[in-house]
C-alpha cells in the first residue's frame, strides 16, 4: 500500500479542489446538498472565493486525489469551534486510512487556528459515519438539525458530534 499524503489547498489550487469536488458530487450525489450540474457551472472567481472561505485538504496517493475535506468555522460558535464538512473518499480508497488522515489533519489545522473544538455533523441513522466519528474521538451532542438532503442511509436529522482540541477547559460550546 502506498503512503497517503495530505496537503492544504490554497486559492491558486482551485482547479485541484474543483476536480476532486466534482468527482465527489458525481460518485456520491446523495451525500451533498449541491449538485454536480450546479457546481460544474461555477466560474473561476466563485471557486477562488470558496477557497478563501474555508480550508480545503486533499489526500493523495501516488499523486492522485483520493479524498477531500473542508474545515471552516462552526456557525453560532463565536469562532471557538471549527467545523469539518464535505468529507469524501474515493470508493476504492475507503477503509484504507484516507478518512482517518483527513480528519486527523483537519483537527490539527483547527487547533492551529485556535479552535477549542471541531464539530462534525453526521446523519443520525448513518451508523458507519457515527462509528467512524466516535472512533476518532468525536462525541455526540444534543444538537440536532434537519438533514440538508434526506436519505435512507442518513435519516432525516443530523447530530453535531464534537471533538475537543487540546485542553477542553474553554467556554461551553454553543452551536
Protein backbone atom coordinates (compact mmCIF):
# COMPACT_ATOMS: atom_id res chain seq x y z
CA UNK A 1 0.00 0.00 0.00
CA UNK A 2 1.30 3.41 -0.97
CA UNK A 3 1.55 6.17 1.58
CA UNK A 4 -1.18 8.76 1.84
CA UNK A 5 -0.17 12.40 1.74
CA UNK A 6 -2.47 15.21 2.82
CA UNK A 7 -1.87 18.75 1.68
CA UNK A 8 -3.72 22.01 2.16
CA UNK A 9 -5.06 23.68 -0.95
CA UNK A 10 -4.60 27.41 -1.38
CA UNK A 11 -6.60 29.76 -3.56
CA UNK A 12 -4.37 29.03 -6.56
CA UNK A 13 -5.19 25.32 -6.18
CA UNK A 14 -8.85 25.95 -7.01
CA UNK A 15 -8.69 23.67 -10.06
CA UNK A 16 -7.42 20.77 -7.94
CA UNK A 17 -10.26 21.33 -5.49
CA UNK A 18 -12.81 21.68 -8.29
CA UNK A 19 -11.70 18.38 -9.80
CA UNK A 20 -11.99 16.34 -6.60
CA UNK A 21 -15.18 18.12 -5.52
CA UNK A 22 -16.89 17.34 -8.83
CA UNK A 23 -15.71 13.71 -8.58
CA UNK A 24 -17.30 13.55 -5.11
CA UNK A 25 -20.57 15.01 -6.37
CA UNK A 26 -20.66 12.54 -9.27
CA UNK A 27 -19.88 9.50 -7.14
CA UNK A 28 -21.95 10.34 -4.03
CA UNK A 29 -24.65 12.82 -5.08
CA UNK A 30 -26.83 11.87 -2.10
CA UNK A 31 -24.11 12.92 0.34
CA UNK A 32 -24.08 16.59 -0.60
CA UNK A 33 -26.61 19.41 -0.64
CA UNK A 34 -25.22 20.59 -4.00
CA UNK A 35 -25.42 19.00 -7.44
CA UNK A 36 -22.64 18.31 -9.92
CA UNK A 37 -24.59 20.18 -12.62
CA UNK A 38 -24.78 23.29 -10.46
CA UNK A 39 -21.12 23.26 -9.45
CA UNK A 40 -19.84 22.48 -12.97
CA UNK A 41 -21.29 25.84 -14.00
CA UNK A 42 -19.32 27.81 -11.37
CA UNK A 43 -16.67 30.10 -12.82
CA UNK A 44 -13.10 30.54 -11.61
CA UNK A 45 -13.93 33.52 -9.39
CA UNK A 46 -16.52 31.53 -7.45
CA UNK A 47 -14.10 28.63 -6.95
CA UNK A 48 -11.42 31.03 -5.74
CA UNK A 49 -13.92 32.63 -3.34
CA UNK A 50 -14.73 29.19 -1.94
CA UNK A 51 -11.05 28.55 -1.35
CA UNK A 52 -10.88 31.70 0.79
CA UNK A 53 -13.96 30.88 2.91
CA UNK A 54 -12.72 27.57 4.29
CA UNK A 55 -9.57 25.48 4.38
CA UNK A 56 -9.51 22.56 1.94
CA UNK A 57 -7.35 19.48 2.43
CA UNK A 58 -6.78 16.87 -0.24
CA UNK A 59 -5.49 13.36 0.35
CA UNK A 60 -3.34 11.93 -2.40
CA UNK A 61 -1.85 8.57 -3.19
CA UNK A 62 0.79 8.44 -5.94
CA UNK A 63 -0.16 11.98 -6.94
CA UNK A 64 -3.84 11.17 -7.43
CA UNK A 65 -6.53 12.77 -5.27
CA UNK A 66 -8.28 10.06 -3.24
CA UNK A 67 -10.13 12.22 -0.73
CA UNK A 68 -11.03 15.72 0.33
CA UNK A 69 -12.35 17.58 3.36
CA UNK A 70 -13.09 21.18 4.30
CA UNK A 71 -12.58 22.98 7.60
CA UNK A 72 -14.42 26.18 8.41
CA UNK A 73 -15.79 27.95 11.45
CA UNK A 74 -18.86 26.43 13.12
CA UNK A 75 -21.85 28.76 12.89
CA UNK A 76 -23.04 30.36 16.12
CA UNK A 77 -19.94 29.17 17.99
CA UNK A 78 -18.48 32.68 18.18
CA UNK A 79 -15.38 31.34 16.44
CA UNK A 80 -14.35 28.95 19.20
CA UNK A 81 -15.16 25.85 17.16
CA UNK A 82 -14.04 24.70 13.77
CA UNK A 83 -16.36 22.66 11.57
CA UNK A 84 -15.39 19.68 9.46
CA UNK A 85 -17.53 19.21 6.35
CA UNK A 86 -17.51 17.85 2.82
CA UNK A 87 -15.55 14.72 3.78
CA UNK A 88 -15.33 12.33 0.85
CA UNK A 89 -13.08 9.42 -0.08
CA UNK A 90 -12.98 7.63 -3.45
CA UNK A 91 -14.73 4.24 -3.13
CA UNK A 92 -11.58 2.28 -3.96
CA UNK A 93 -9.70 4.06 -1.16
CA UNK A 94 -12.35 3.64 1.55
CA UNK A 95 -11.20 1.62 4.53
CA UNK A 96 -7.53 2.35 3.79
CA UNK A 97 -6.95 5.17 6.28
CA UNK A 98 -7.64 8.12 3.97
CA UNK A 99 -10.59 9.46 6.01
CA UNK A 100 -8.63 9.00 9.22
CA UNK A 101 -5.71 11.04 7.86
CA UNK A 102 -8.04 13.77 6.56
CA UNK A 103 -9.83 14.09 9.90
CA UNK A 104 -6.60 13.95 11.92
CA UNK A 105 -5.02 16.67 9.79
CA UNK A 106 -8.25 18.71 9.95
CA UNK A 107 -8.21 18.55 13.74
CA UNK A 108 -4.57 19.70 13.79
CA UNK A 109 -5.38 22.57 11.45
CA UNK A 110 -8.38 23.64 13.56
CA UNK A 111 -6.23 23.56 16.72
CA UNK A 112 -3.51 25.63 14.97
CA UNK A 113 -6.20 28.18 14.12
CA UNK A 114 -7.12 28.48 17.80
CA UNK A 115 -10.33 26.47 17.80
CA UNK A 116 -11.15 24.67 21.05
CA UNK A 117 -13.39 22.07 19.34
CA UNK A 118 -14.07 20.55 15.96
CA UNK A 119 -17.72 19.96 15.01
CA UNK A 120 -18.79 17.26 12.54
CA UNK A 121 -22.47 16.91 11.57
CA UNK A 122 -23.43 13.27 10.91
CA UNK A 123 -26.73 11.68 9.84
CA UNK A 124 -28.34 10.16 12.93
CA UNK A 125 -29.18 6.95 11.05
CA UNK A 126 -25.73 6.57 9.46
CA UNK A 127 -24.24 4.05 11.86
CA UNK A 128 -21.00 3.74 9.90
CA UNK A 129 -20.38 7.51 9.98
CA UNK A 130 -21.31 7.77 13.67
CA UNK A 131 -18.99 4.85 14.49
CA UNK A 132 -16.16 6.40 12.45
CA UNK A 133 -16.54 9.79 14.16
CA UNK A 134 -16.76 8.13 17.59
CA UNK A 135 -13.61 6.15 16.85
CA UNK A 136 -11.84 9.42 16.02
CA UNK A 137 -12.82 10.82 19.44
CA UNK A 138 -15.90 12.83 18.45
CA UNK A 139 -18.75 12.67 20.94
CA UNK A 140 -22.45 13.20 20.14
CA UNK A 141 -24.18 16.29 21.48
CA UNK A 142 -27.81 17.23 21.99
CA UNK A 143 -27.65 19.49 18.93
CA UNK A 144 -29.75 18.24 16.01
CA UNK A 145 -30.85 19.78 12.72
CA UNK A 146 -32.77 18.59 9.67
CA UNK A 147 -30.65 16.91 7.01
CA UNK A 148 -29.87 19.09 4.00
CA UNK A 149 -30.52 16.04 1.82
CA UNK A 150 -32.69 13.30 3.33
CA UNK A 151 -31.58 9.76 2.53
CA UNK A 152 -32.41 6.32 3.83
CA UNK A 153 -28.81 5.86 4.97
CA UNK A 154 -28.59 9.12 6.92
CA UNK A 155 -32.17 9.63 8.08
CA UNK A 156 -33.98 12.93 8.42
CA UNK A 157 -31.76 14.51 11.08
CA UNK A 158 -28.11 15.01 11.72
CA UNK A 159 -26.33 15.26 15.03
CA UNK A 160 -23.41 17.53 15.90
CA UNK A 161 -20.51 15.41 17.04
CA UNK A 162 -17.74 17.33 18.77
CA UNK A 163 -14.03 16.66 19.19
CA UNK A 164 -12.25 18.63 21.92
CA UNK A 165 -8.92 20.01 20.69
CA UNK A 166 -6.19 20.24 23.29
CA UNK A 167 -7.20 21.47 26.70
CA UNK A 168 -11.00 21.26 26.94
CA UNK A 169 -11.35 23.84 29.70
CA UNK A 170 -12.68 26.61 27.45
CA UNK A 171 -16.14 28.12 27.40
CA UNK A 172 -19.22 25.95 26.98
CA UNK A 173 -19.70 25.20 23.29
CA UNK A 174 -22.90 26.57 21.76
CA UNK A 175 -23.99 25.72 18.24
